[in-house]
Amino acid sequence: MTKMVIVMRKDLNMRKGKMCTQAAHSSLKIFFDRANIEKTIVSERDGNMHTASQVDALQIPLNNDMVEWARDFFTKICVGVGSEQELLDVYHKALQAKLPVALIKDAGKTEFKEPTLTCLAIGPAKAELIDKITGELKLL
């Protein structure tokens, strides 16, 4: 089974809507990072600027776990950590395990007064690989 785990900082006391938005950012960033898509999208293939509506024309290379996840139920689990350091520890463990991981830094324009690390997503990947890193964390 493949899944994605979203790890959220609980110490920030984010509003529920903010948490949902940050989780969505992390879930999508996994794929955008893989395709090297930025806010202003530049295709390395043709060197041209593309608008967000043209993203579907770009090819996103999916690994086997990502394909399985997309064909299955898009399983996502949300867990929490108590500090920025704990979030970074999880991030570095996922990197060391060579799992897809996306760390989110909020711009600090609404709820926070400065840029703030809020959450990360790991996967899609085999559940047993992600569980080695996040299995002890409590569900939100």
C-alpha atoms as a PDB file:
ATOM      1  CA  MET A   1       0.000   0.000   0.000  1.00  0.00           C
ATOM      2  CA  THR A   2       1.166   3.520  -0.765  1.00  0.00           C
ATOM      3  CA  LYS A   3       0.281   6.639   1.151  1.00  0.00           C
ATOM      4  CA  MET A   4       1.227  10.219   1.854  1.00  0.00           C
ATOM      5  CA  VAL A   5       1.779  11.523   5.366  1.00  0.00           C
ATOM      6  CA  ILE A   6       1.368  15.186   6.176  1.00  0.00           C
ATOM      7  CA  VAL A   7       3.211  16.352   9.289  1.00  0.00           C
ATOM      8  CA  MET A   8       1.800  19.539  10.843  1.00  0.00           C
ATOM      9  CA  ARG A   9       3.289  21.735  13.549  1.00  0.00           C
ATOM     10  CA  LYS A  10       0.865  21.842  16.488  1.00  0.00           C
ATOM     11  CA  ASP A  11       2.778  24.506  18.432  1.00  0.00           C
ATOM     12  CA  LEU A  12       1.694  27.251  16.014  1.00  0.00           C
ATOM     13  CA  ASN A  13      -1.989  26.958  16.992  1.00  0.00           C
ATOM     14  CA  MET A  14      -3.054  27.591  13.399  1.00  0.00           C
ATOM     15  CA  ARG A  15      -6.702  28.067  12.591  1.00  0.00           C
ATOM     16  CA  LYS A  16      -8.266  24.967  10.989  1.00  0.00           C
ATOM     17  CA  GLY A  17      -8.549  26.668   7.625  1.00  0.00           C
ATOM     18  CA  LYS A  18      -4.884  27.662   7.709  1.00  0.00           C
ATOM     19  CA  MET A  19      -3.903  24.102   8.591  1.00  0.00           C
ATOM     20  CA  CYS A  20      -5.949  22.750   5.697  1.00  0.00           C
ATOM     21  CA  THR A  21      -4.355  25.209   3.299  1.00  0.00           C
ATOM     22  CA  GLN A  22      -0.834  24.392   4.457  1.00  0.00           C
ATOM     23  CA  ALA A  23      -1.531  20.651   4.168  1.00  0.00           C
ATOM     24  CA  ALA A  24      -2.843  21.152   0.633  1.00  0.00           C
ATOM     25  CA  HIS A  25       0.280  23.129  -0.268  1.00  0.00           C
ATOM     26  CA  SER A  26       2.516  20.295   0.944  1.00  0.00           C
ATOM     27  CA  SER A  27       0.532  17.625  -0.871  1.00  0.00           C
ATOM     28  CA  LEU A  28       0.749  19.474  -4.187  1.00  0.00           C
ATOM     29  CA  LYS A  29       4.350  20.632  -3.743  1.00  0.00           C
ATOM     30  CA  ILE A  30       5.532  17.006  -3.848  1.00  0.00           C
ATOM     31  CA  PHE A  31       4.412  16.851  -7.475  1.00  0.00           C
ATOM     32  CA  PHE A  32       5.315  20.420  -8.437  1.00  0.00           C
ATOM     33  CA  ASP A  33       8.858  19.882  -7.130  1.00  0.00           C
ATOM     34  CA  ARG A  34       9.120  16.700  -9.177  1.00  0.00           C
ATOM     35  CA  ALA A  35       8.139  18.596 -12.321  1.00  0.00           C
ATOM     36  CA  ASN A  36      10.251  21.631 -11.368  1.00  0.00           C
ATOM     37  CA  ILE A  37       7.158  23.819 -11.546  1.00  0.00           C
ATOM     38  CA  GLU A  38       7.416  27.202  -9.872  1.00  0.00           C
ATOM     39  CA  LYS A  39       4.863  29.966  -9.405  1.00  0.00           C
ATOM     40  CA  THR A  40       5.942  31.350 -12.757  1.00  0.00           C
ATOM     41  CA  ILE A  41       6.264  28.177 -14.699  1.00  0.00           C
ATOM     42  CA  VAL A  42       9.171  27.869 -17.110  1.00  0.00           C
ATOM     43  CA  SER A  43       9.408  24.749 -19.204  1.00  0.00           C
ATOM     44  CA  GLU A  44      12.949  23.431 -19.457  1.00  0.00           C
ATOM     45  CA  ARG A  45      11.745  21.573 -22.540  1.00  0.00           C
ATOM     46  CA  ASP A  46      10.979  24.676 -24.611  1.00  0.00           C
ATOM     47  CA  GLY A  47      12.235  27.543 -22.421  1.00  0.00           C
ATOM     48  CA  ASN A  48       8.911  29.358 -22.636  1.00  0.00           C
ATOM     49  CA  MET A  49       6.884  30.863 -19.802  1.00  0.00           C
ATOM     50  CA  HIS A  50       3.628  29.065 -19.065  1.00  0.00           C
ATOM     51  CA  THR A  51       0.611  30.169 -17.087  1.00  0.00           C
ATOM     52  CA  ALA A  52      -0.902  27.974 -14.391  1.00  0.00           C
ATOM     53  CA  SER A  53      -3.628  26.915 -16.841  1.00  0.00           C
ATOM     54  CA  GLN A  54      -0.917  25.382 -19.035  1.00  0.00           C
ATOM     55  CA  VAL A  55       0.493  23.157 -16.307  1.00  0.00           C
ATOM     56  CA  ASP A  56      -1.449  20.189 -17.664  1.00  0.00           C
ATOM     57  CA  ALA A  57       0.658  20.376 -20.836  1.00  0.00           C
ATOM     58  CA  LEU A  58       3.824  19.709 -18.835  1.00  0.00           C
ATOM     59  CA  GLN A  59       4.775  16.142 -18.127  1.00  0.00           C
ATOM     60  CA  ILE A  60       5.217  15.235 -14.451  1.00  0.00           C
ATOM     61  CA  PRO A  61       7.414  12.146 -14.118  1.00  0.00           C
ATOM     62  CA  LEU A  62       5.743   9.817 -11.623  1.00  0.00           C
ATOM     63  CA  ASN A  63       7.509   6.922  -9.968  1.00  0.00           C
ATOM     64  CA  ASN A  64       5.723   3.583  -9.454  1.00  0.00           C
ATOM     65  CA  ASP A  65       4.580   4.483  -5.925  1.00  0.00           C
ATOM     66  CA  MET A  66       3.047   7.735  -7.174  1.00  0.00           C
ATOM     67  CA  VAL A  67       1.203   5.907  -9.957  1.00  0.00           C
ATOM     68  CA  GLU A  68      -0.119   3.301  -7.497  1.00  0.00           C
ATOM     69  CA  TRP A  69      -1.230   6.046  -5.099  1.00  0.00           C
ATOM     70  CA  ALA A  70      -2.980   7.969  -7.888  1.00  0.00           C
ATOM     71  CA  ARG A  71      -4.799   4.829  -9.054  1.00  0.00           C
ATOM     72  CA  ASP A  72      -5.810   3.885  -5.535  1.00  0.00           C
ATOM     73  CA  PHE A  73      -7.493   6.078  -2.908  1.00  0.00           C
ATOM     74  CA  PHE A  74      -5.019   8.987  -2.527  1.00  0.00           C
ATOM     75  CA  THR A  75      -4.451   7.829   1.057  1.00  0.00           C
ATOM     76  CA  LYS A  76      -3.257  10.685   3.250  1.00  0.00           C
ATOM     77  CA  ILE A  77      -2.579  10.597   6.970  1.00  0.00           C
ATOM     78  CA  CYS A  78      -2.172  13.786   9.040  1.00  0.00           C
ATOM     79  CA  VAL A  79       0.045  13.716  12.101  1.00  0.00           C
ATOM     80  CA  GLY A  80       1.510  16.395  14.330  1.00  0.00           C
ATOM     81  CA  VAL A  81       4.787  17.490  15.854  1.00  0.00           C
ATOM     82  CA  GLY A  82       5.342  19.946  18.687  1.00  0.00           C
ATOM     83  CA  SER A  83       8.035  22.221  17.275  1.00  0.00           C
ATOM     84  CA  GLU A  84       9.932  23.472  14.258  1.00  0.00           C
ATOM     85  CA  GLN A  85      12.908  21.335  15.268  1.00  0.00           C
ATOM     86  CA  GLU A  86      10.770  18.176  15.323  1.00  0.00           C
ATOM     87  CA  LEU A  87       9.428  19.073  11.869  1.00  0.00           C
ATOM     88  CA  LEU A  88      12.979  19.526  10.560  1.00  0.00           C
ATOM     89  CA  ASP A  89      14.067  16.234  12.138  1.00  0.00           C
ATOM     90  CA  VAL A  90      11.289  14.405  10.265  1.00  0.00           C
ATOM     91  CA  TYR A  91      12.208  16.269   7.070  1.00  0.00           C
ATOM     92  CA  HIS A  92      15.862  15.232   7.298  1.00  0.00           C
ATOM     93  CA  LYS A  93      14.950  11.598   8.037  1.00  0.00           C
ATOM     94  CA  ALA A  94      12.723  11.530   4.935  1.00  0.00           C
ATOM     95  CA  LEU A  95      15.521  13.023   2.831  1.00  0.00           C
ATOM     96  CA  GLN A  96      18.001  10.454   4.165  1.00  0.00           C
ATOM     97  CA  ALA A  97      15.527   7.683   3.290  1.00  0.00           C
ATOM     98  CA  LYS A  98      15.284   9.154  -0.242  1.00  0.00           C
ATOM     99  CA  LEU A  99      11.514   9.565   0.043  1.00  0.00           C
ATOM    100  CA  PRO A 100       9.627  12.322  -1.764  1.00  0.00           C
ATOM    101  CA  VAL A 101       9.281  15.164   0.744  1.00  0.00           C
ATOM    102  CA  ALA A 102       8.065  18.750   0.543  1.00  0.00           C
ATOM    103  CA  LEU A 103       8.633  21.245   3.352  1.00  0.00           C
ATOM    104  CA  ILE A 104       6.272  24.241   3.476  1.00  0.00           C
ATOM    105  CA  LYS A 105       7.282  27.713   4.601  1.00  0.00           C
ATOM    106  CA  ASP A 106       4.334  30.079   4.958  1.00  0.00           C
ATOM    107  CA  ALA A 107       5.059  33.558   3.565  1.00  0.00           C
ATOM    108  CA  GLY A 108       3.975  35.258   6.791  1.00  0.00           C
ATOM    109  CA  LYS A 109       1.381  37.547   5.224  1.00  0.00           C
ATOM    110  CA  THR A 110      -1.740  36.476   7.133  1.00  0.00           C
ATOM    111  CA  GLU A 111      -1.567  34.464  10.324  1.00  0.00           C
ATOM    112  CA  PHE A 112       2.162  34.737  11.029  1.00  0.00           C
ATOM    113  CA  LYS A 113       4.255  37.902  11.189  1.00  0.00           C
ATOM    114  CA  GLU A 114       7.211  36.342   9.379  1.00  0.00           C
ATOM    115  CA  PRO A 115       7.961  33.361   7.125  1.00  0.00           C
ATOM    116  CA  THR A 116       7.276  30.231   9.162  1.00  0.00           C
ATOM    117  CA  LEU A 117       7.809  26.514   8.563  1.00  0.00           C
ATOM    118  CA  THR A 118       4.365  24.965   9.031  1.00  0.00           C
ATOM    119  CA  CYS A 119       4.271  21.406   7.714  1.00  0.00           C
ATOM    120  CA  LEU A 120       5.628  18.850   5.299  1.00  0.00           C
ATOM    121  CA  ALA A 121       4.393  15.987   3.179  1.00  0.00           C
ATOM    122  CA  ILE A 122       6.172  12.673   2.696  1.00  0.00           C
ATOM    123  CA  GLY A 123       5.282  10.361  -0.170  1.00  0.00           C
ATOM    124  CA  PRO A 124       3.486   8.960  -1.947  1.00  0.00           C
ATOM    125  CA  ALA A 125       5.607   5.975  -1.050  1.00  0.00           C
ATOM    126  CA  LYS A 126       5.266   2.524   0.429  1.00  0.00           C
ATOM    127  CA  ALA A 127       3.539   2.768   3.802  1.00  0.00           C
ATOM    128  CA  GLU A 128       6.190   0.696   5.566  1.00  0.00           C
ATOM    129  CA  LEU A 129       8.942   3.111   4.473  1.00  0.00           C
ATOM    130  CA  ILE A 130       7.071   6.198   5.644  1.00  0.00           C
ATOM    131  CA  ASP A 131       6.011   4.475   8.881  1.00  0.00           C
ATOM    132  CA  LYS A 132       9.684   4.064   9.856  1.00  0.00           C
ATOM    133  CA  ILE A 133       9.837   7.856  10.027  1.00  0.00           C
ATOM    134  CA  THR A 134       6.330   8.929  11.115  1.00  0.00           C
ATOM    135  CA  GLY A 135       4.866   5.805  12.721  1.00  0.00           C
ATOM    136  CA  GLU A 136       5.314   7.103  16.270  1.00  0.00           C
ATOM    137  CA  LEU A 137       3.710  10.500  15.628  1.00  0.00           C
ATOM    138  CA  LYS A 138       0.154  11.067  16.864  1.00  0.00           C
ATOM    139  CA  LEU A 139      -2.738  11.696  14.501  1.00  0.00           C
ATOM    140  CA  LEU A 140      -4.094  15.257  14.417  1.00  0.00           C
END
